[in-house]
Amino acid sequence: MVDPDAPSPQDHSHSDVRHFVGPNFHLGASGKLTNSTPALSEFRDPRPTAFSTPHRYTLLAFVQPPGFMAAATPIIRENPSVTNFNLTSFVAATGLGDPVAGTFFLTGSD
C-alpha cells in the first residue's frame, strides 16, 4: 500500500509513502486473504497532513515470485524511511511483475 500524494496531491515531493509491504499471502479456507509471515514494512495508518486535499491510497497485489523475500528484505532494511519509496524500482528489483489486483481509496485529514 502506497500514498502517491504525499505531502499533498499538488506536491508529490515525498511520494510514494510506503504504508505496507506484506509477503506470503494466500487464500485461507474461508476464502479470505491471510499471511503466514510478519510484514516487511508494518502497516501505517493513512494520515494526510492537515489542510491537504484527500490522498489516494493504492493497494496492489502481486504473485510473489521465488526469491522475493531474499530480494525484498535488504531493500526495505536499507531504506527504513517510508517516504520517497520507489514502487516501480521495488517491483523491478524483486521480480514482482505486473499486479494481479488493485484498488484505491481516498481519505482526507481530520
N, C-alpha and C. Protein backbone atom coordinates (compact mmCIF):
# COMPACT_ATOMS: atom_id res chain seq x y z
N MET A 1 0.86 -1.17 0.00
CA MET A 1 0.00 0.00 0.00
C MET A 1 0.90 1.23 0.00
N VAL A 2 0.62 2.14 -0.91
CA VAL A 2 1.40 3.37 -1.00
C VAL A 2 0.48 4.58 -1.11
N ASP A 3 1.01 5.72 -0.72
CA ASP A 3 0.34 7.01 -0.89
C ASP A 3 1.13 7.79 -1.92
N PRO A 4 0.60 7.92 -3.15
CA PRO A 4 1.32 8.67 -4.17
C PRO A 4 1.12 10.18 -4.07
N ASP A 5 0.37 10.64 -3.06
CA ASP A 5 0.00 12.05 -2.96
C ASP A 5 0.63 12.76 -1.76
N ALA A 6 1.83 12.37 -1.37
CA ALA A 6 2.45 12.98 -0.21
C ALA A 6 3.46 14.04 -0.62
N PRO A 7 3.48 15.17 0.05
CA PRO A 7 2.64 15.54 1.18
C PRO A 7 1.23 16.01 0.80
N SER A 8 1.00 16.27 -0.50
CA SER A 8 -0.35 16.65 -0.94
C SER A 8 -0.50 16.25 -2.40
N PRO A 9 -1.73 16.14 -2.89
CA PRO A 9 -1.91 15.82 -4.30
C PRO A 9 -1.30 16.85 -5.25
N GLN A 10 -1.07 18.06 -4.76
CA GLN A 10 -0.47 19.10 -5.59
C GLN A 10 1.06 19.10 -5.49
N ASP A 11 1.62 18.44 -4.49
CA ASP A 11 3.07 18.41 -4.25
C ASP A 11 3.46 16.97 -3.91
N HIS A 12 4.07 16.27 -4.85
CA HIS A 12 4.44 14.86 -4.65
C HIS A 12 5.88 14.69 -4.20
N SER A 13 6.43 15.66 -3.51
CA SER A 13 7.86 15.62 -3.17
C SER A 13 8.25 14.51 -2.20
N HIS A 14 7.29 13.89 -1.51
CA HIS A 14 7.60 12.77 -0.61
C HIS A 14 7.05 11.44 -1.13
N SER A 15 6.52 11.45 -2.34
CA SER A 15 5.85 10.26 -2.89
C SER A 15 6.87 9.26 -3.38
N ASP A 16 6.52 8.05 -3.36
CA ASP A 16 5.41 7.42 -2.69
C ASP A 16 5.75 7.26 -1.22
N VAL A 17 4.73 7.30 -0.38
CA VAL A 17 4.93 6.92 1.01
C VAL A 17 4.51 5.46 1.13
N ARG A 18 5.41 4.64 1.67
CA ARG A 18 5.17 3.21 1.84
C ARG A 18 4.32 3.02 3.11
N HIS A 19 3.14 2.44 2.95
CA HIS A 19 2.27 2.22 4.10
C HIS A 19 2.20 0.76 4.51
N PHE A 20 2.59 -0.15 3.62
CA PHE A 20 2.56 -1.57 3.98
C PHE A 20 3.19 -2.39 2.86
N VAL A 21 4.04 -3.35 3.25
CA VAL A 21 4.52 -4.38 2.34
C VAL A 21 4.40 -5.69 3.10
N GLY A 22 3.54 -6.57 2.60
CA GLY A 22 3.32 -7.85 3.27
C GLY A 22 3.55 -9.01 2.33
N PRO A 23 4.40 -9.97 2.73
CA PRO A 23 4.66 -11.14 1.89
C PRO A 23 3.80 -12.34 2.30
N ASN A 24 3.85 -13.35 1.45
CA ASN A 24 3.30 -14.67 1.76
C ASN A 24 1.81 -14.71 2.05
N PHE A 25 1.04 -13.95 1.31
CA PHE A 25 -0.41 -14.02 1.43
C PHE A 25 -0.93 -15.20 0.61
N HIS A 26 -2.00 -15.80 1.10
CA HIS A 26 -2.65 -16.89 0.39
C HIS A 26 -4.13 -16.89 0.76
N LEU A 27 -4.92 -17.59 -0.04
CA LEU A 27 -6.34 -17.71 0.28
C LEU A 27 -6.50 -18.77 1.35
N GLY A 28 -7.10 -18.37 2.46
CA GLY A 28 -7.37 -19.31 3.53
C GLY A 28 -8.60 -20.15 3.22
N ALA A 29 -8.91 -21.09 4.10
CA ALA A 29 -10.06 -21.98 3.91
C ALA A 29 -11.37 -21.19 3.83
N SER A 30 -11.41 -20.04 4.48
CA SER A 30 -12.63 -19.22 4.47
C SER A 30 -12.75 -18.38 3.20
N GLY A 31 -11.72 -18.41 2.34
CA GLY A 31 -11.73 -17.60 1.14
C GLY A 31 -11.17 -16.21 1.37
N LYS A 32 -10.69 -15.93 2.57
CA LYS A 32 -10.10 -14.64 2.89
C LYS A 32 -8.58 -14.71 2.73
N LEU A 33 -7.99 -13.57 2.36
CA LEU A 33 -6.53 -13.50 2.28
C LEU A 33 -5.95 -13.50 3.69
N THR A 34 -4.96 -14.34 3.90
CA THR A 34 -4.22 -14.37 5.17
C THR A 34 -2.75 -14.43 4.81
N ASN A 35 -1.91 -14.12 5.78
CA ASN A 35 -0.48 -14.29 5.50
C ASN A 35 0.17 -15.08 6.62
N SER A 36 1.31 -15.65 6.29
CA SER A 36 1.96 -16.58 7.21
C SER A 36 3.26 -16.04 7.79
N THR A 37 3.62 -14.80 7.47
CA THR A 37 4.86 -14.22 7.98
C THR A 37 4.62 -12.76 8.35
N PRO A 38 5.50 -12.20 9.16
CA PRO A 38 5.35 -10.77 9.51
C PRO A 38 5.53 -9.88 8.28
N ALA A 39 5.01 -8.69 8.39
CA ALA A 39 5.14 -7.69 7.32
C ALA A 39 6.60 -7.30 7.15
N LEU A 40 6.98 -6.99 5.92
CA LEU A 40 8.32 -6.44 5.66
C LEU A 40 8.35 -4.96 6.03
N SER A 41 7.23 -4.30 5.86
CA SER A 41 7.07 -2.89 6.23
C SER A 41 5.71 -2.79 6.91
N GLU A 42 5.72 -2.53 8.21
CA GLU A 42 4.49 -2.53 9.00
C GLU A 42 3.45 -1.54 8.48
N PHE A 43 2.19 -1.86 8.71
CA PHE A 43 1.08 -1.01 8.28
C PHE A 43 1.14 0.34 8.98
N ARG A 44 1.01 1.39 8.20
CA ARG A 44 0.94 2.76 8.71
C ARG A 44 -0.43 3.31 8.35
N ASP A 45 -1.12 3.85 9.35
CA ASP A 45 -2.44 4.43 9.12
C ASP A 45 -2.37 5.54 8.07
N PRO A 46 -3.39 5.64 7.23
CA PRO A 46 -3.48 6.78 6.31
C PRO A 46 -3.74 8.06 7.12
N ARG A 47 -2.85 9.03 6.99
CA ARG A 47 -2.99 10.29 7.72
C ARG A 47 -2.47 11.45 6.89
N PRO A 48 -3.28 11.93 5.96
CA PRO A 48 -2.84 13.10 5.20
C PRO A 48 -2.58 14.29 6.13
N THR A 49 -1.67 15.14 5.73
CA THR A 49 -1.36 16.30 6.54
C THR A 49 -2.57 17.23 6.64
N ALA A 50 -2.60 18.00 7.69
CA ALA A 50 -3.70 18.94 7.91
C ALA A 50 -3.85 19.86 6.72
N PHE A 51 -5.06 20.11 6.35
CA PHE A 51 -5.44 21.03 5.28
C PHE A 51 -5.11 20.51 3.88
N SER A 52 -4.61 19.29 3.77
CA SER A 52 -4.36 18.71 2.46
C SER A 52 -5.69 18.24 1.87
N THR A 53 -5.79 18.29 0.56
CA THR A 53 -6.93 17.67 -0.09
C THR A 53 -6.76 16.15 0.04
N PRO A 54 -7.81 15.36 -0.17
CA PRO A 54 -7.71 13.91 0.03
C PRO A 54 -6.59 13.27 -0.79
N HIS A 55 -6.01 12.24 -0.19
CA HIS A 55 -4.95 11.45 -0.82
C HIS A 55 -5.52 10.16 -1.35
N ARG A 56 -4.89 9.64 -2.43
CA ARG A 56 -5.21 8.31 -2.95
C ARG A 56 -4.30 7.31 -2.26
N TYR A 57 -4.86 6.33 -1.61
CA TYR A 57 -4.09 5.23 -1.02
C TYR A 57 -4.29 4.03 -1.92
N THR A 58 -3.20 3.52 -2.48
CA THR A 58 -3.25 2.49 -3.51
C THR A 58 -2.76 1.17 -2.94
N LEU A 59 -3.57 0.15 -3.12
CA LEU A 59 -3.22 -1.21 -2.68
C LEU A 59 -3.09 -2.08 -3.90
N LEU A 60 -1.96 -2.78 -4.01
CA LEU A 60 -1.70 -3.65 -5.15
C LEU A 60 -1.34 -5.04 -4.65
N ALA A 61 -1.79 -6.06 -5.38
CA ALA A 61 -1.45 -7.45 -5.08
C ALA A 61 -0.66 -8.02 -6.26
N PHE A 62 0.38 -8.76 -5.93
CA PHE A 62 1.26 -9.36 -6.93
C PHE A 62 1.40 -10.85 -6.63
N VAL A 63 1.69 -11.63 -7.65
CA VAL A 63 2.09 -13.01 -7.44
C VAL A 63 3.53 -12.96 -6.96
N GLN A 64 3.78 -13.56 -5.81
CA GLN A 64 5.11 -13.50 -5.21
C GLN A 64 6.03 -14.52 -5.89
N PRO A 65 7.09 -14.05 -6.55
CA PRO A 65 7.98 -14.98 -7.25
C PRO A 65 8.96 -15.66 -6.27
N PRO A 66 9.55 -16.78 -6.70
CA PRO A 66 10.62 -17.38 -5.90
C PRO A 66 11.73 -16.35 -5.69
N GLY A 67 12.28 -16.32 -4.51
CA GLY A 67 13.37 -15.39 -4.20
C GLY A 67 12.92 -14.00 -3.80
N PHE A 68 11.60 -13.79 -3.72
CA PHE A 68 11.10 -12.46 -3.37
C PHE A 68 11.64 -11.99 -2.02
N MET A 69 11.54 -12.83 -1.00
CA MET A 69 11.97 -12.41 0.34
C MET A 69 13.46 -12.06 0.36
N ALA A 70 14.27 -12.84 -0.32
CA ALA A 70 15.71 -12.57 -0.36
C ALA A 70 16.01 -11.26 -1.07
N ALA A 71 15.20 -10.90 -2.07
CA ALA A 71 15.41 -9.64 -2.78
C ALA A 71 14.80 -8.46 -2.04
N ALA A 72 13.63 -8.64 -1.44
CA ALA A 72 12.89 -7.53 -0.84
C ALA A 72 13.43 -7.13 0.53
N THR A 73 13.82 -8.08 1.35
CA THR A 73 14.23 -7.77 2.73
C THR A 73 15.36 -6.75 2.79
N PRO A 74 16.46 -6.91 2.04
CA PRO A 74 17.52 -5.90 2.13
C PRO A 74 17.08 -4.52 1.62
N ILE A 75 16.20 -4.48 0.62
CA ILE A 75 15.73 -3.19 0.11
C ILE A 75 14.98 -2.44 1.20
N ILE A 76 14.11 -3.13 1.89
CA ILE A 76 13.33 -2.50 2.97
C ILE A 76 14.24 -2.12 4.13
N ARG A 77 15.14 -3.01 4.52
CA ARG A 77 16.05 -2.73 5.66
C ARG A 77 17.00 -1.58 5.36
N GLU A 78 17.46 -1.49 4.13
CA GLU A 78 18.41 -0.43 3.76
C GLU A 78 17.72 0.91 3.54
N ASN A 79 16.40 0.89 3.44
CA ASN A 79 15.62 2.11 3.22
C ASN A 79 14.52 2.22 4.27
N PRO A 80 14.90 2.46 5.53
CA PRO A 80 13.89 2.48 6.59
C PRO A 80 12.90 3.65 6.47
N SER A 81 13.28 4.72 5.81
CA SER A 81 12.36 5.83 5.62
C SER A 81 11.24 5.38 4.71
N VAL A 82 10.02 5.70 5.08
CA VAL A 82 8.87 5.29 4.27
C VAL A 82 8.57 6.29 3.17
N THR A 83 9.19 7.47 3.21
CA THR A 83 8.94 8.47 2.17
C THR A 83 9.85 8.21 0.97
N ASN A 84 9.43 8.72 -0.18
CA ASN A 84 10.18 8.58 -1.43
C ASN A 84 10.47 7.11 -1.78
N PHE A 85 9.51 6.26 -1.47
CA PHE A 85 9.60 4.85 -1.82
C PHE A 85 9.31 4.72 -3.31
N ASN A 86 10.24 4.13 -4.05
CA ASN A 86 10.07 3.99 -5.49
C ASN A 86 9.45 2.62 -5.77
N LEU A 87 8.14 2.61 -5.90
CA LEU A 87 7.42 1.36 -6.11
C LEU A 87 7.86 0.67 -7.40
N THR A 88 8.05 1.43 -8.46
CA THR A 88 8.46 0.85 -9.74
C THR A 88 9.80 0.14 -9.62
N SER A 89 10.75 0.77 -8.94
CA SER A 89 12.07 0.15 -8.75
C SER A 89 11.98 -1.08 -7.86
N PHE A 90 11.15 -1.01 -6.81
CA PHE A 90 10.98 -2.15 -5.91
C PHE A 90 10.40 -3.35 -6.67
N VAL A 91 9.39 -3.10 -7.47
CA VAL A 91 8.76 -4.17 -8.26
C VAL A 91 9.79 -4.80 -9.20
N ALA A 92 10.57 -3.98 -9.88
CA ALA A 92 11.58 -4.49 -10.81
C ALA A 92 12.67 -5.28 -10.07
N ALA A 93 13.15 -4.75 -8.94
CA ALA A 93 14.25 -5.39 -8.21
C ALA A 93 13.85 -6.71 -7.57
N THR A 94 12.57 -6.87 -7.29
CA THR A 94 12.10 -8.09 -6.61
C THR A 94 11.44 -9.07 -7.57
N GLY A 95 11.31 -8.70 -8.84
CA GLY A 95 10.74 -9.60 -9.83
C GLY A 95 9.24 -9.80 -9.71
N LEU A 96 8.55 -8.83 -9.16
CA LEU A 96 7.10 -9.00 -8.94
C LEU A 96 6.29 -9.02 -10.24
N GLY A 97 6.72 -8.31 -11.24
CA GLY A 97 5.94 -8.27 -12.48
C GLY A 97 4.73 -7.35 -12.33
N ASP A 98 3.74 -7.57 -13.15
CA ASP A 98 2.54 -6.73 -13.13
C ASP A 98 1.63 -7.13 -11.97
N PRO A 99 0.91 -6.18 -11.39
CA PRO A 99 -0.04 -6.53 -10.33
C PRO A 99 -1.17 -7.39 -10.89
N VAL A 100 -1.71 -8.26 -10.04
CA VAL A 100 -2.84 -9.10 -10.43
C VAL A 100 -4.15 -8.55 -9.90
N ALA A 101 -4.08 -7.60 -8.98
CA ALA A 101 -5.27 -6.95 -8.43
C ALA A 101 -4.85 -5.63 -7.81
N GLY A 102 -5.80 -4.74 -7.68
CA GLY A 102 -5.52 -3.47 -7.05
C GLY A 102 -6.79 -2.70 -6.78
N THR A 103 -6.67 -1.76 -5.88
CA THR A 103 -7.77 -0.85 -5.58
C THR A 103 -7.16 0.39 -4.95
N PHE A 104 -8.00 1.38 -4.72
CA PHE A 104 -7.53 2.57 -4.02
C PHE A 104 -8.71 3.15 -3.27
N PHE A 105 -8.38 4.01 -2.30
CA PHE A 105 -9.41 4.77 -1.62
C PHE A 105 -8.89 6.18 -1.38
N LEU A 106 -9.80 7.11 -1.21
CA LEU A 106 -9.44 8.50 -0.91
C LEU A 106 -9.74 8.77 0.55
N THR A 107 -8.84 9.48 1.19
CA THR A 107 -9.11 9.93 2.55
C THR A 107 -8.42 11.27 2.76
N GLY A 108 -9.05 12.13 3.55
CA GLY A 108 -8.52 13.45 3.83
C GLY A 108 -8.09 13.57 5.28
N SER A 109 -7.60 14.75 5.63
CA SER A 109 -7.17 15.00 7.00
C SER A 109 -8.39 15.14 7.90
N ASP A 110 -8.16 15.03 9.20
CA ASP A 110 -9.27 15.11 10.16
C ASP A 110 -9.89 16.46 10.14
